[in-house]
Amino acid sequence: MKSRTYIRIFLYFILIPAVILVGIHIFQDRKYAFVTLAVAICSCIPPFIGYEKRSADTGRIVVLAVLTALAVIGRAAFVFLPGFKPVTAIVILTGMYLGAESGFLCGAFSALLSNFLFGQGPWTPLQMFSWGMIGFFAGILANCLARHKILLLYGAFSGILYSVLMDVWSVLWFEDAFSWKRYVAMFLVSLTSTVMYMVSNVVFLLLLAKPFGEKLSRIQKKYHL
């Protein structure tokens, strides 16, 4: 169990960010397809390491696939409202009820698959990482997020976290090195979008937390997930 925990920490907090940085600095963002594939593969490793009970894991994979599909469809359905999407809310609920690893996978693959509709690019790997980490931390904080007010606060915080992480990509895209001045400028320019992310997450959590929670809890008990 300890070795699996160390592997997860290494993958999510060291290897995946390193892969993104290598893609940006060495490949100059021209090999973003390779970086995206590498992040996707790294995202899959922890669930396969924890592949102990075949029937339970098969059920988890099916539920995870459905939730990821709903996140992709939700992002496409609200294409006319930039920044107002149900993706983050679905990713958070996935992490809460299916665990941190499932939350990361849902976030990462929601970004990857929906970008086939919205456009793949050098931003895709960091989107995968940003949404993935939101789901990952939702799984870790699942007991705290069971309180409705804390869940909504986490939803609002996730809007800030997503914007902060994506602004890192924006700075690296314009410069070869990270610049705090440009980063602060980027953050201030995108402040309106950040507020939209926060509001969107809170609204969709208000709408989805109860119905999704009831169904996922029932599935958990029925299939011993």
C-alpha atoms as a PDB file:
ATOM      1  CA  MET A   1       0.000   0.000   0.000  1.00  0.00           C
ATOM      2  CA  LYS A   2       2.844   2.394   0.839  1.00  0.00           C
ATOM      3  CA  SER A   3       4.643   1.668  -2.431  1.00  0.00           C
ATOM      4  CA  ARG A   4       1.421   2.349  -4.386  1.00  0.00           C
ATOM      5  CA  THR A   5       0.990   5.634  -2.527  1.00  0.00           C
ATOM      6  CA  TYR A   6       4.544   6.704  -3.346  1.00  0.00           C
ATOM      7  CA  ILE A   7       3.997   5.783  -6.995  1.00  0.00           C
ATOM      8  CA  ARG A   8       0.819   7.897  -7.125  1.00  0.00           C
ATOM      9  CA  ILE A   9       2.553  10.884  -5.534  1.00  0.00           C
ATOM     10  CA  PHE A  10       5.488  10.552  -7.940  1.00  0.00           C
ATOM     11  CA  LEU A  11       3.223  10.289 -11.004  1.00  0.00           C
ATOM     12  CA  TYR A  12       0.752  13.062 -10.213  1.00  0.00           C
ATOM     13  CA  PHE A  13       3.047  15.612  -8.574  1.00  0.00           C
ATOM     14  CA  ILE A  14       6.409  14.993 -10.270  1.00  0.00           C
ATOM     15  CA  LEU A  15       6.286  12.945 -13.477  1.00  0.00           C
ATOM     16  CA  ILE A  16       3.227  14.515 -15.173  1.00  0.00           C
ATOM     17  CA  PRO A  17       4.280  18.147 -14.482  1.00  0.00           C
ATOM     18  CA  ALA A  18       7.792  17.211 -15.656  1.00  0.00           C
ATOM     19  CA  VAL A  19       6.407  15.752 -18.899  1.00  0.00           C
ATOM     20  CA  ILE A  20       4.478  18.979 -19.551  1.00  0.00           C
ATOM     21  CA  LEU A  21       7.531  21.154 -18.859  1.00  0.00           C
ATOM     22  CA  VAL A  22       9.744  18.984 -21.061  1.00  0.00           C
ATOM     23  CA  GLY A  23       7.212  19.287 -23.882  1.00  0.00           C
ATOM     24  CA  ILE A  24       7.161  23.059 -23.538  1.00  0.00           C
ATOM     25  CA  HIS A  25      10.899  23.692 -23.227  1.00  0.00           C
ATOM     26  CA  ILE A  26      12.510  20.943 -25.304  1.00  0.00           C
ATOM     27  CA  PHE A  27       9.910  20.433 -28.022  1.00  0.00           C
ATOM     28  CA  GLN A  28       8.834  24.100 -28.089  1.00  0.00           C
ATOM     29  CA  ASP A  29       5.159  23.037 -27.989  1.00  0.00           C
ATOM     30  CA  ARG A  30       5.428  21.484 -31.459  1.00  0.00           C
ATOM     31  CA  LYS A  31       5.112  17.977 -30.061  1.00  0.00           C
ATOM     32  CA  TYR A  32       2.047  18.610 -27.908  1.00  0.00           C
ATOM     33  CA  ALA A  33       0.424  15.445 -29.290  1.00  0.00           C
ATOM     34  CA  PHE A  34       3.282  13.401 -27.814  1.00  0.00           C
ATOM     35  CA  VAL A  35       3.016  15.239 -24.487  1.00  0.00           C
ATOM     36  CA  THR A  36      -0.761  14.706 -24.396  1.00  0.00           C
ATOM     37  CA  LEU A  37      -0.343  10.994 -25.036  1.00  0.00           C
ATOM     38  CA  ALA A  38       2.361  10.761 -22.347  1.00  0.00           C
ATOM     39  CA  VAL A  39       0.123  12.504 -19.784  1.00  0.00           C
ATOM     40  CA  ALA A  40      -2.781  10.207 -20.687  1.00  0.00           C
ATOM     41  CA  ILE A  41      -0.613   7.098 -20.245  1.00  0.00           C
ATOM     42  CA  CYS A  42       0.765   8.334 -16.912  1.00  0.00           C
ATOM     43  CA  SER A  43      -2.809   9.015 -15.757  1.00  0.00           C
ATOM     44  CA  CYS A  44      -3.758   5.385 -16.352  1.00  0.00           C
ATOM     45  CA  ILE A  45      -0.894   3.802 -14.410  1.00  0.00           C
ATOM     46  CA  PRO A  46      -2.227   4.131 -10.800  1.00  0.00           C
ATOM     47  CA  PRO A  47      -5.640   2.546 -11.520  1.00  0.00           C
ATOM     48  CA  PHE A  48      -3.940  -0.399 -13.203  1.00  0.00           C
ATOM     49  CA  ILE A  49      -1.598  -0.763 -10.214  1.00  0.00           C
ATOM     50  CA  GLY A  50      -4.647  -0.953  -7.973  1.00  0.00           C
ATOM     51  CA  TYR A  51      -6.326  -3.563 -10.173  1.00  0.00           C
ATOM     52  CA  GLU A  52      -7.104  -6.053  -7.384  1.00  0.00           C
ATOM     53  CA  LYS A  53     -10.763  -6.998  -7.615  1.00  0.00           C
ATOM     54  CA  ARG A  54     -11.613  -7.564 -11.240  1.00  0.00           C
ATOM     55  CA  SER A  55     -15.405  -7.279 -10.971  1.00  0.00           C
ATOM     56  CA  ALA A  56     -15.307  -4.158  -8.804  1.00  0.00           C
ATOM     57  CA  ASP A  57     -12.737  -2.458 -11.049  1.00  0.00           C
ATOM     58  CA  THR A  58     -14.724  -3.325 -14.174  1.00  0.00           C
ATOM     59  CA  GLY A  59     -17.770  -1.676 -12.649  1.00  0.00           C
ATOM     60  CA  ARG A  60     -15.712   1.349 -11.664  1.00  0.00           C
ATOM     61  CA  ILE A  61     -14.346   1.683 -15.210  1.00  0.00           C
ATOM     62  CA  VAL A  62     -17.861   1.574 -16.683  1.00  0.00           C
ATOM     63  CA  VAL A  63     -19.152   4.241 -14.282  1.00  0.00           C
ATOM     64  CA  LEU A  64     -16.045   6.344 -14.871  1.00  0.00           C
ATOM     65  CA  ALA A  65     -16.515   6.105 -18.646  1.00  0.00           C
ATOM     66  CA  VAL A  66     -20.129   7.262 -18.333  1.00  0.00           C
ATOM     67  CA  LEU A  67     -19.202  10.228 -16.117  1.00  0.00           C
ATOM     68  CA  THR A  68     -16.390  11.229 -18.466  1.00  0.00           C
ATOM     69  CA  ALA A  69     -18.794  11.056 -21.415  1.00  0.00           C
ATOM     70  CA  LEU A  70     -21.278  13.259 -19.534  1.00  0.00           C
ATOM     71  CA  ALA A  71     -18.518  15.795 -18.841  1.00  0.00           C
ATOM     72  CA  VAL A  72     -17.578  15.881 -22.538  1.00  0.00           C
ATOM     73  CA  ILE A  73     -21.218  16.205 -23.619  1.00  0.00           C
ATOM     74  CA  GLY A  74     -21.795  18.898 -20.993  1.00  0.00           C
ATOM     75  CA  ARG A  75     -18.860  20.935 -22.260  1.00  0.00           C
ATOM     76  CA  ALA A  76     -20.122  20.662 -25.817  1.00  0.00           C
ATOM     77  CA  ALA A  77     -23.722  21.492 -24.848  1.00  0.00           C
ATOM     78  CA  PHE A  78     -22.678  24.809 -23.281  1.00  0.00           C
ATOM     79  CA  VAL A  79     -20.356  25.839 -26.102  1.00  0.00           C
ATOM     80  CA  PHE A  80     -22.313  29.075 -26.487  1.00  0.00           C
ATOM     81  CA  LEU A  81     -21.346  30.114 -22.903  1.00  0.00           C
ATOM     82  CA  PRO A  82     -17.518  30.268 -22.661  1.00  0.00           C
ATOM     83  CA  GLY A  83     -16.321  29.454 -19.144  1.00  0.00           C
ATOM     84  CA  PHE A  84     -19.742  28.226 -18.033  1.00  0.00           C
ATOM     85  CA  LYS A  85     -19.468  24.432 -18.162  1.00  0.00           C
ATOM     86  CA  PRO A  86     -20.485  21.450 -15.962  1.00  0.00           C
ATOM     87  CA  VAL A  87     -17.134  19.693 -16.470  1.00  0.00           C
ATOM     88  CA  THR A  88     -15.516  20.688 -13.172  1.00  0.00           C
ATOM     89  CA  ALA A  89     -18.629  19.809 -11.152  1.00  0.00           C
ATOM     90  CA  ILE A  90     -18.783  16.324 -12.698  1.00  0.00           C
ATOM     91  CA  VAL A  91     -15.050  15.808 -12.143  1.00  0.00           C
ATOM     92  CA  ILE A  92     -15.385  16.830  -8.479  1.00  0.00           C
ATOM     93  CA  LEU A  93     -18.307  14.453  -7.894  1.00  0.00           C
ATOM     94  CA  THR A  94     -16.399  11.644  -9.611  1.00  0.00           C
ATOM     95  CA  GLY A  95     -13.460  12.134  -7.271  1.00  0.00           C
ATOM     96  CA  MET A  96     -15.729  12.277  -4.233  1.00  0.00           C
ATOM     97  CA  TYR A  97     -17.594   9.042  -4.922  1.00  0.00           C
ATOM     98  CA  LEU A  98     -15.119   6.949  -6.938  1.00  0.00           C
ATOM     99  CA  GLY A  99     -11.838   8.047  -5.381  1.00  0.00           C
ATOM    100  CA  ALA A 100      -8.903  10.334  -6.132  1.00  0.00           C
ATOM    101  CA  GLU A 101      -7.523   8.260  -9.005  1.00  0.00           C
ATOM    102  CA  SER A 102     -10.895   8.108 -10.758  1.00  0.00           C
ATOM    103  CA  GLY A 103     -11.281  11.852 -10.224  1.00  0.00           C
ATOM    104  CA  PHE A 104      -7.939  12.484 -11.907  1.00  0.00           C
ATOM    105  CA  LEU A 105      -8.780  10.179 -14.814  1.00  0.00           C
ATOM    106  CA  CYS A 106     -12.190  11.798 -15.335  1.00  0.00           C
ATOM    107  CA  GLY A 107     -10.648  15.276 -15.400  1.00  0.00           C
ATOM    108  CA  ALA A 108      -7.735  14.330 -17.645  1.00  0.00           C
ATOM    109  CA  PHE A 109      -9.752  12.403 -20.210  1.00  0.00           C
ATOM    110  CA  SER A 110     -12.632  14.910 -20.198  1.00  0.00           C
ATOM    111  CA  ALA A 111     -10.126  17.527 -21.373  1.00  0.00           C
ATOM    112  CA  LEU A 112      -8.495  15.205 -23.907  1.00  0.00           C
ATOM    113  CA  LEU A 113     -11.720  13.918 -25.471  1.00  0.00           C
ATOM    114  CA  SER A 114     -13.647  17.213 -25.477  1.00  0.00           C
ATOM    115  CA  ASN A 115     -10.722  18.935 -27.190  1.00  0.00           C
ATOM    116  CA  PHE A 116     -11.373  16.770 -30.231  1.00  0.00           C
ATOM    117  CA  LEU A 117     -14.435  19.028 -30.531  1.00  0.00           C
ATOM    118  CA  PHE A 118     -12.930  22.283 -29.238  1.00  0.00           C
ATOM    119  CA  GLY A 119      -9.482  21.865 -30.781  1.00  0.00           C
ATOM    120  CA  GLN A 120      -6.330  20.085 -29.658  1.00  0.00           C
ATOM    121  CA  GLY A 121      -3.253  22.152 -28.983  1.00  0.00           C
ATOM    122  CA  PRO A 122      -0.296  22.713 -26.662  1.00  0.00           C
ATOM    123  CA  TRP A 123      -2.790  23.741 -23.962  1.00  0.00           C
ATOM    124  CA  THR A 124      -4.334  20.242 -23.843  1.00  0.00           C
ATOM    125  CA  PRO A 125      -1.768  18.594 -21.512  1.00  0.00           C
ATOM    126  CA  LEU A 126      -2.071  21.342 -18.900  1.00  0.00           C
ATOM    127  CA  GLN A 127      -5.876  21.256 -19.169  1.00  0.00           C
ATOM    128  CA  MET A 128      -5.683  17.516 -18.541  1.00  0.00           C
ATOM    129  CA  PHE A 129      -3.447  18.082 -15.530  1.00  0.00           C
ATOM    130  CA  SER A 130      -5.550  20.984 -14.147  1.00  0.00           C
ATOM    131  CA  TRP A 131      -8.902  19.199 -14.307  1.00  0.00           C
ATOM    132  CA  GLY A 132      -7.215  15.977 -13.214  1.00  0.00           C
ATOM    133  CA  MET A 133      -5.802  17.534 -10.038  1.00  0.00           C
ATOM    134  CA  ILE A 134      -9.185  19.081  -9.212  1.00  0.00           C
ATOM    135  CA  GLY A 135     -10.706  15.591  -9.306  1.00  0.00           C
ATOM    136  CA  PHE A 136      -7.733  14.102  -7.443  1.00  0.00           C
ATOM    137  CA  PHE A 137      -8.021  16.518  -4.516  1.00  0.00           C
ATOM    138  CA  ALA A 138     -11.812  16.044  -4.476  1.00  0.00           C
ATOM    139  CA  GLY A 139     -11.165  12.355  -3.802  1.00  0.00           C
ATOM    140  CA  ILE A 140      -8.695  13.111  -1.020  1.00  0.00           C
ATOM    141  CA  LEU A 141     -11.084  15.627   0.592  1.00  0.00           C
ATOM    142  CA  ALA A 142     -14.202  13.507   0.012  1.00  0.00           C
ATOM    143  CA  ASN A 143     -15.192  13.367   3.710  1.00  0.00           C
ATOM    144  CA  CYS A 144     -14.938  17.145   4.071  1.00  0.00           C
ATOM    145  CA  LEU A 145     -16.788  17.768   0.809  1.00  0.00           C
ATOM    146  CA  ALA A 146     -19.736  15.742   2.089  1.00  0.00           C
ATOM    147  CA  ARG A 147     -20.737  18.994   3.804  1.00  0.00           C
ATOM    148  CA  HIS A 148     -22.686  20.966   1.238  1.00  0.00           C
ATOM    149  CA  LYS A 149     -21.201  24.378   2.033  1.00  0.00           C
ATOM    150  CA  ILE A 150     -17.633  23.070   1.888  1.00  0.00           C
ATOM    151  CA  LEU A 151     -18.415  21.376  -1.436  1.00  0.00           C
ATOM    152  CA  LEU A 152     -19.561  24.694  -2.889  1.00  0.00           C
ATOM    153  CA  LEU A 153     -16.479  26.445  -1.508  1.00  0.00           C
ATOM    154  CA  TYR A 154     -14.282  23.800  -3.128  1.00  0.00           C
ATOM    155  CA  GLY A 155     -16.153  24.332  -6.396  1.00  0.00           C
ATOM    156  CA  ALA A 156     -15.406  28.063  -6.232  1.00  0.00           C
ATOM    157  CA  PHE A 157     -11.771  27.365  -5.298  1.00  0.00           C
ATOM    158  CA  SER A 158     -11.493  24.966  -8.248  1.00  0.00           C
ATOM    159  CA  GLY A 159     -12.374  27.827 -10.580  1.00  0.00           C
ATOM    160  CA  ILE A 160      -9.423  29.784  -9.186  1.00  0.00           C
ATOM    161  CA  LEU A 161      -7.118  26.738  -9.285  1.00  0.00           C
ATOM    162  CA  TYR A 162      -7.963  25.985 -12.919  1.00  0.00           C
ATOM    163  CA  SER A 163      -7.332  29.573 -13.975  1.00  0.00           C
ATOM    164  CA  VAL A 164      -4.080  29.820 -11.993  1.00  0.00           C
ATOM    165  CA  LEU A 165      -2.694  26.617 -13.539  1.00  0.00           C
ATOM    166  CA  MET A 166      -3.737  27.553 -17.080  1.00  0.00           C
ATOM    167  CA  ASP A 167      -2.118  30.984 -16.696  1.00  0.00           C
ATOM    168  CA  VAL A 168       1.171  29.121 -16.177  1.00  0.00           C
ATOM    169  CA  TRP A 169       0.773  27.670 -19.678  1.00  0.00           C
ATOM    170  CA  SER A 170      -0.073  31.124 -21.078  1.00  0.00           C
ATOM    171  CA  VAL A 171       3.154  32.605 -19.677  1.00  0.00           C
ATOM    172  CA  LEU A 172       5.307  29.721 -20.921  1.00  0.00           C
ATOM    173  CA  TRP A 173       3.661  30.001 -24.340  1.00  0.00           C
ATOM    174  CA  PHE A 174       4.754  33.629 -24.726  1.00  0.00           C
ATOM    175  CA  GLU A 175       8.212  33.313 -23.161  1.00  0.00           C
ATOM    176  CA  ASP A 176      10.961  30.711 -22.951  1.00  0.00           C
ATOM    177  CA  ALA A 177      11.174  31.173 -19.172  1.00  0.00           C
ATOM    178  CA  PHE A 178       8.596  31.780 -16.471  1.00  0.00           C
ATOM    179  CA  SER A 179       7.983  35.456 -15.679  1.00  0.00           C
ATOM    180  CA  TRP A 180       6.142  36.475 -12.530  1.00  0.00           C
ATOM    181  CA  LYS A 181       5.322  39.912 -13.959  1.00  0.00           C
ATOM    182  CA  ARG A 182       3.682  38.420 -17.025  1.00  0.00           C
ATOM    183  CA  TYR A 183       1.972  35.802 -14.843  1.00  0.00           C
ATOM    184  CA  VAL A 184       0.374  38.466 -12.614  1.00  0.00           C
ATOM    185  CA  ALA A 185      -0.653  40.398 -15.732  1.00  0.00           C
ATOM    186  CA  MET A 186      -2.203  37.252 -17.219  1.00  0.00           C
ATOM    187  CA  PHE A 187      -4.066  36.547 -13.986  1.00  0.00           C
ATOM    188  CA  LEU A 188      -5.507  40.068 -13.858  1.00  0.00           C
ATOM    189  CA  VAL A 189      -6.527  39.954 -17.522  1.00  0.00           C
ATOM    190  CA  SER A 190      -8.291  36.617 -17.036  1.00  0.00           C
ATOM    191  CA  LEU A 191      -9.983  37.679 -13.787  1.00  0.00           C
ATOM    192  CA  THR A 192     -13.403  37.901 -15.442  1.00  0.00           C
ATOM    193  CA  SER A 193     -13.055  34.368 -16.790  1.00  0.00           C
ATOM    194  CA  THR A 194     -11.932  33.139 -13.366  1.00  0.00           C
ATOM    195  CA  VAL A 195     -15.043  34.581 -11.740  1.00  0.00           C
ATOM    196  CA  MET A 196     -17.126  32.879 -14.446  1.00  0.00           C
ATOM    197  CA  TYR A 197     -15.433  29.544 -13.678  1.00  0.00           C
ATOM    198  CA  MET A 198     -16.174  29.976  -9.976  1.00  0.00           C
ATOM    199  CA  VAL A 199     -19.840  30.841 -10.529  1.00  0.00           C
ATOM    200  CA  SER A 200     -20.248  28.029 -13.050  1.00  0.00           C
ATOM    201  CA  ASN A 201     -18.823  25.418 -10.673  1.00  0.00           C
ATOM    202  CA  VAL A 202     -21.048  26.515  -7.802  1.00  0.00           C
ATOM    203  CA  VAL A 203     -24.178  26.582  -9.983  1.00  0.00           C
ATOM    204  CA  PHE A 204     -23.615  23.115 -11.444  1.00  0.00           C
ATOM    205  CA  LEU A 205     -22.721  21.641  -8.055  1.00  0.00           C
ATOM    206  CA  LEU A 206     -25.987  23.030  -6.698  1.00  0.00           C
ATOM    207  CA  LEU A 207     -27.832  21.340  -9.570  1.00  0.00           C
ATOM    208  CA  LEU A 208     -25.913  18.050  -9.777  1.00  0.00           C
ATOM    209  CA  ALA A 209     -24.611  17.247  -6.282  1.00  0.00           C
ATOM    210  CA  LYS A 210     -27.815  15.690  -4.950  1.00  0.00           C
ATOM    211  CA  PRO A 211     -29.016  13.633  -7.983  1.00  0.00           C
ATOM    212  CA  PHE A 212     -25.494  12.494  -8.908  1.00  0.00           C
ATOM    213  CA  GLY A 213     -24.648  11.795  -5.277  1.00  0.00           C
ATOM    214  CA  GLU A 214     -27.708   9.618  -4.738  1.00  0.00           C
ATOM    215  CA  LYS A 215     -27.095   7.575  -7.881  1.00  0.00           C
ATOM    216  CA  LEU A 216     -23.371   7.153  -7.307  1.00  0.00           C
ATOM    217  CA  SER A 217     -23.929   6.143  -3.679  1.00  0.00           C
ATOM    218  CA  ARG A 218     -26.429   3.507  -4.802  1.00  0.00           C
ATOM    219  CA  ILE A 219     -24.004   2.221  -7.454  1.00  0.00           C
ATOM    220  CA  GLN A 220     -21.206   2.098  -4.858  1.00  0.00           C
ATOM    221  CA  LYS A 221     -23.257  -0.099  -2.538  1.00  0.00           C
ATOM    222  CA  LYS A 222     -24.725  -2.300  -5.254  1.00  0.00           C
ATOM    223  CA  TYR A 223     -21.407  -3.094  -6.971  1.00  0.00           C
ATOM    224  CA  HIS A 224     -19.141  -2.756  -3.895  1.00  0.00           C
ATOM    225  CA  LEU A 225     -17.004  -0.062  -5.513  1.00  0.00           C
END
